[in-house]
Protein backbone atom coordinates (compact mmCIF):
# COMPACT_ATOMS: atom_id res chain seq x y z
CA MET A 1 87.71 108.08 193.91
CA THR A 2 90.63 106.73 194.81
CA GLU A 3 91.66 103.76 197.02
CA ALA A 4 93.65 106.23 198.84
CA ALA A 5 91.20 108.59 199.35
CA LYS A 6 89.01 105.85 200.80
CA GLN A 7 91.54 104.49 203.03
CA PHE A 8 91.87 107.56 204.65
CA LEU A 9 88.48 108.24 205.07
CA ILE A 10 88.13 104.74 206.59
CA LYS A 11 90.90 106.04 209.31
CA LEU A 12 89.41 108.84 209.91
CA ALA A 13 85.83 107.75 210.75
CA ASP A 14 87.71 104.99 213.26
CA LEU A 15 89.12 108.09 214.85
CA VAL A 16 86.06 110.48 215.16
CA GLU A 17 84.61 107.14 216.83
CA GLU A 18 87.57 106.22 218.86
CA TYR A 19 87.76 109.73 220.15
CA ALA A 20 84.54 110.71 220.10
CA THR A 21 85.11 113.08 217.84
CA GLU A 22 82.79 116.08 216.61
CA PHE A 23 84.03 119.14 214.03
CA TYR A 24 81.79 121.79 213.21
CA TYR A 25 81.26 125.42 212.42
CA THR A 26 79.70 128.41 214.84
CA ASN A 27 77.99 131.87 213.45
CA ASN A 28 81.24 133.23 214.34
CA ASP A 29 83.06 132.81 211.46
CA ASP A 30 86.09 131.77 212.99
CA GLY A 31 86.80 128.16 211.42
CA ILE A 32 86.71 125.01 212.65
CA HIS A 33 86.39 123.66 215.27
CA ILE A 34 86.91 120.23 216.77
CA SER A 35 86.30 118.47 220.27
CA VAL A 36 86.89 115.85 221.60
CA GLY A 37 84.15 113.63 224.32
CA GLY A 38 82.09 115.99 224.40
CA GLU A 39 85.01 118.52 225.91
CA PRO A 40 85.53 122.00 224.93
CA ASP A 41 86.57 123.03 221.68
CA PHE A 42 90.32 122.76 221.65
CA PHE A 43 91.45 123.72 217.82
CA VAL A 44 89.58 126.87 216.12
CA GLY A 45 91.20 127.81 212.36
CA PHE A 46 90.74 127.30 208.99
CA SER A 47 93.06 125.42 208.44
CA LEU A 48 93.95 121.41 209.23
CA ASP A 49 97.23 121.67 208.65
CA PRO A 50 99.87 118.66 210.22
CA THR A 51 101.97 121.14 211.42
CA GLU A 52 99.31 123.37 212.98
CA LEU A 53 97.43 120.34 214.43
CA ARG A 54 100.83 119.31 216.26
CA LYS A 55 101.57 123.05 217.84
CA ALA A 56 97.69 122.39 219.12
CA ALA A 57 98.39 119.52 221.05
CA THR A 58 102.20 120.20 222.07
CA SER A 59 101.04 124.25 223.24
CA ASN A 60 97.37 123.22 224.60
CA GLY A 61 95.63 124.40 222.13
CA ARG A 62 96.75 127.96 222.57
CA GLY A 63 98.71 128.92 219.83
CA LYS A 64 98.60 131.23 216.82
CA PRO A 65 96.88 131.13 214.58
CA THR A 66 95.01 128.20 216.52
CA ALA A 67 93.29 128.72 219.80
CA ALA A 68 91.49 127.26 222.81
CA GLY A 69 88.32 127.54 223.40
CA GLY A 70 85.26 129.71 221.99
CA SER A 71 81.41 127.85 221.82
CA ALA A 72 79.08 126.91 219.65
């Protein structure tokens, strides 16, 4: 593993801890779900593309292809 990959994983782990974040899938096969602090998931999609993540943040997760809601 490269040093850059190690640093990425460490930073990601720090963010997951800081924001009590969960990443998970459901039986619906509708993509990756992200939840922060035990709240309902705010992102559902297959791509963690930075542009799509920013779009979800500025549209309360209701833009396409990201979508709010869903259940585990």
